[in-house]
Protein backbone atom coordinates (compact mmCIF):
# COMPACT_ATOMS: atom_id res chain seq x y z
CA UNK A 1 99.62 -17.99 -23.63
CA UNK A 2 99.16 -15.70 -26.63
CA UNK A 3 97.76 -16.97 -29.92
CA UNK A 4 100.96 -17.16 -31.95
CA UNK A 5 102.81 -18.90 -29.09
CA UNK A 6 99.92 -21.32 -28.78
CA UNK A 7 99.79 -22.07 -32.55
CA UNK A 8 103.58 -22.78 -32.68
CA UNK A 9 103.52 -24.94 -29.48
CA UNK A 10 100.42 -26.95 -30.58
CA UNK A 11 101.94 -27.68 -34.03
CA UNK A 12 105.08 -29.16 -32.31
CA UNK A 13 102.87 -31.20 -30.02
CA UNK A 14 100.91 -32.56 -33.02
CA UNK A 15 104.16 -33.33 -34.89
CA UNK A 16 105.24 -35.50 -31.95
CA UNK A 17 101.89 -37.23 -31.88
CA UNK A 18 101.97 -38.02 -35.56
CA UNK A 19 105.49 -39.52 -35.29
CA UNK A 20 104.05 -42.01 -32.75
CA UNK A 21 100.88 -42.53 -34.91
CA UNK A 22 103.27 -43.46 -37.82
CA UNK A 23 104.51 -46.43 -35.72
CA UNK A 24 101.03 -48.00 -35.50
CA UNK A 25 100.91 -51.02 -37.85
CA UNK A 26 98.09 -50.57 -40.30
CA UNK A 27 96.92 -54.05 -39.65
CA UNK A 28 96.72 -53.43 -35.90
CA UNK A 29 94.53 -50.29 -36.03
CA UNK A 30 91.68 -52.20 -34.34
CA UNK A 31 93.98 -53.64 -31.60
CA UNK A 32 93.24 -53.00 -27.93
CA UNK A 33 94.56 -54.58 -24.81
CA UNK A 34 91.06 -55.46 -23.45
CA UNK A 35 87.53 -55.59 -24.79
CA UNK A 36 85.72 -52.34 -24.44
CA UNK A 37 88.80 -50.11 -24.32
CA UNK A 38 90.03 -47.65 -27.02
CA UNK A 39 91.71 -49.29 -29.91
CA UNK A 40 94.61 -47.56 -31.77
CA UNK A 41 92.03 -46.31 -34.30
CA UNK A 42 89.69 -45.12 -31.63
CA UNK A 43 92.38 -43.14 -29.96
CA UNK A 44 93.42 -41.54 -33.26
CA UNK A 45 89.85 -40.75 -34.38
CA UNK A 46 89.13 -39.41 -30.83
CA UNK A 47 92.06 -36.98 -30.95
CA UNK A 48 91.01 -35.77 -34.42
CA UNK A 49 87.30 -35.41 -33.67
CA UNK A 50 87.57 -33.82 -30.26
CA UNK A 51 90.19 -31.31 -31.42
CA UNK A 52 87.93 -30.03 -34.28
CA UNK A 53 84.39 -30.58 -32.90
CA UNK A 54 84.82 -29.83 -29.20
CA UNK A 55 87.90 -27.71 -28.57
CA UNK A 56 87.78 -25.60 -31.80
CA UNK A 57 84.03 -25.16 -31.46
CA UNK A 58 84.27 -24.07 -27.81
CA UNK A 59 87.20 -21.81 -28.71
CA UNK A 60 84.82 -19.78 -30.85
CA UNK A 61 82.29 -19.89 -28.05
CA UNK A 62 80.03 -22.37 -29.85
CA UNK A 63 78.73 -25.59 -28.36
CA UNK A 64 80.51 -28.87 -28.85
CA UNK A 65 79.36 -31.05 -31.71
CA UNK A 66 81.73 -33.92 -30.94
CA UNK A 67 80.60 -37.02 -32.94
CA UNK A 68 82.46 -39.63 -30.97
CA UNK A 69 85.30 -41.75 -32.15
CA UNK A 70 83.52 -44.46 -34.17
CA UNK A 71 84.70 -46.28 -37.34
CA UNK A 72 82.05 -44.35 -39.36
CA UNK A 73 84.44 -41.42 -39.17
CA UNK A 74 87.37 -43.22 -40.84
CA UNK A 75 87.88 -47.01 -40.95
CA UNK A 76 91.30 -47.91 -42.27
CA UNK A 77 94.69 -46.77 -40.97
CA UNK A 78 95.27 -44.46 -43.93
CA UNK A 79 91.72 -42.99 -43.76
CA UNK A 80 92.27 -42.31 -40.05
CA UNK A 81 95.51 -40.52 -40.70
CA UNK A 82 93.89 -38.48 -43.30
CA UNK A 83 91.00 -37.64 -40.98
CA UNK A 84 93.47 -36.57 -38.34
CA UNK A 85 95.26 -34.29 -40.83
CA UNK A 86 91.89 -32.84 -42.08
CA UNK A 87 90.50 -32.19 -38.62
CA UNK A 88 93.80 -30.59 -37.55
CA UNK A 89 93.93 -28.38 -40.53
CA UNK A 90 90.33 -27.16 -39.95
CA UNK A 91 91.06 -26.56 -36.28
CA UNK A 92 94.24 -24.60 -36.97
CA UNK A 93 92.38 -22.44 -39.39
CA UNK A 94 89.86 -21.65 -36.62
CA UNK A 95 92.62 -21.11 -33.99
CA UNK A 96 94.48 -18.73 -36.41
CA UNK A 97 91.28 -16.72 -36.86
CA UNK A 98 91.24 -15.93 -33.12
CA UNK A 99 92.82 -12.89 -31.67
CA UNK A 100 94.81 -12.52 -28.42
CA UNK A 101 91.60 -10.95 -27.03
CA UNK A 102 89.73 -13.99 -28.07
CA UNK A 103 92.20 -16.20 -26.16
CA UNK A 104 91.43 -14.05 -23.07
CA UNK A 105 87.60 -14.32 -23.51
CA UNK A 106 85.60 -16.82 -21.54
CA UNK A 107 84.08 -19.97 -23.17
CA UNK A 108 81.71 -22.57 -21.76
CA UNK A 109 82.95 -26.08 -21.70
CA UNK A 110 80.60 -29.13 -22.42
CA UNK A 111 80.58 -29.74 -18.67
CA UNK A 112 79.25 -26.14 -18.14
CA UNK A 113 82.41 -24.75 -16.74
CA UNK A 114 83.61 -21.29 -17.81
CA UNK A 115 87.29 -20.96 -18.73
CA UNK A 116 89.39 -18.54 -20.73
CA UNK A 117 89.77 -19.88 -24.29
CA UNK A 118 93.62 -19.94 -24.01
CA UNK A 119 93.23 -22.05 -20.85
CA UNK A 120 90.67 -24.32 -22.61
CA UNK A 121 93.16 -24.83 -25.39
CA UNK A 122 96.02 -25.60 -23.04
CA UNK A 123 93.68 -28.37 -21.67
CA UNK A 124 93.36 -29.66 -25.25
CA UNK A 125 97.10 -30.00 -25.38
CA UNK A 126 97.15 -31.93 -22.11
CA UNK A 127 94.44 -34.15 -23.47
CA UNK A 128 96.39 -34.87 -26.64
CA UNK A 129 99.51 -35.68 -24.60
CA UNK A 130 97.58 -38.04 -22.29
CA UNK A 131 96.23 -40.12 -25.38
CA UNK A 132 99.63 -39.98 -27.02
CA UNK A 133 100.96 -41.68 -23.97
CA UNK A 134 98.36 -44.35 -24.40
CA UNK A 135 99.50 -44.90 -28.01
CA UNK A 136 103.13 -45.24 -26.73
CA UNK A 137 101.99 -47.79 -24.07
CA UNK A 138 99.96 -49.78 -26.62
CA UNK A 139 102.91 -49.96 -28.99
CA UNK A 140 105.20 -50.94 -26.16
CA UNK A 141 102.79 -53.77 -25.19
CA UNK A 142 103.09 -55.10 -28.74
CA UNK A 143 106.91 -54.84 -28.64
CA UNK A 144 106.92 -52.12 -31.29
CA UNK A 145 109.74 -49.58 -31.09
CA UNK A 146 108.74 -45.95 -30.79
CA UNK A 147 110.75 -42.67 -31.49
CA UNK A 148 112.08 -40.95 -28.46
CA UNK A 149 110.03 -37.95 -27.53
CA UNK A 150 112.72 -35.25 -27.50
CA UNK A 151 115.42 -36.90 -29.66
CA UNK A 152 117.17 -39.03 -26.96
CA UNK A 153 116.15 -42.10 -25.10
CA UNK A 154 116.40 -42.20 -21.29
CA UNK A 155 119.45 -44.41 -21.62
CA UNK A 156 121.19 -41.85 -23.97
CA UNK A 157 120.35 -39.00 -21.60
CA UNK A 158 121.83 -40.95 -18.67
CA UNK A 159 125.07 -41.80 -20.57
CA UNK A 160 125.61 -38.22 -21.51
CA UNK A 161 124.87 -36.82 -18.08
CA UNK A 162 127.36 -35.88 -15.30
CA UNK A 163 127.57 -38.26 -12.46
CA UNK A 164 124.92 -37.24 -9.89
CA UNK A 165 125.30 -37.05 -6.15
CA UNK A 166 124.20 -40.34 -4.44
CA UNK A 167 120.48 -40.35 -3.54
CA UNK A 168 119.47 -39.91 0.06
CA UNK A 169 118.38 -43.55 0.17
CA UNK A 170 121.98 -44.73 -0.55
CA UNK A 171 123.25 -46.52 2.60
CA UNK A 172 126.72 -45.14 1.96
CA UNK A 173 125.40 -41.53 1.95
CA UNK A 174 126.63 -39.48 4.91
CA UNK A 175 123.41 -39.10 6.95
CA UNK A 176 125.37 -37.00 9.57
CA UNK A 177 125.42 -34.08 7.09
CA UNK A 178 121.65 -33.86 7.15
CA UNK A 179 119.93 -31.56 9.53
CA UNK A 180 118.15 -33.25 12.48
CA UNK A 181 114.41 -33.95 12.07
CA UNK A 182 112.21 -31.87 14.51
């Protein structure tokens, strides 16, 4: 993935993340499903801090300076959202300073592995999507409605779709039409 393609794609990823973050009730920022697990606030601070202090640093071939996800970074819901915006803006400024050649250069991860910068930043996107999924799940556990990821819910997609062929597990499906197993 080239730099400009990455920049556009990551901005869309972050927009979708922030739509879900906007569903978190400010008074539930410290909620978690079990003691010792990430809270909403922890997840939000983690995404902000790791983007800026690990992925952006490593993209410039510097060592990670990830500070963790503690409340000392930002305590209240509004402060956490501001922190997310600030860390993202700093990271995007760093990513915009990179060239396509920089994206092809190798960097060293905190685990000591060597990857092309572009591949490392794709891993950052996967990481964000993973934690966004956790936020969706937490909100669901609390009975809080969330926006559909791509504009339609699963039910809306199904209602607008053509009728599919019956699945192979359907007992009424004509098994005689299948090739024999060898």
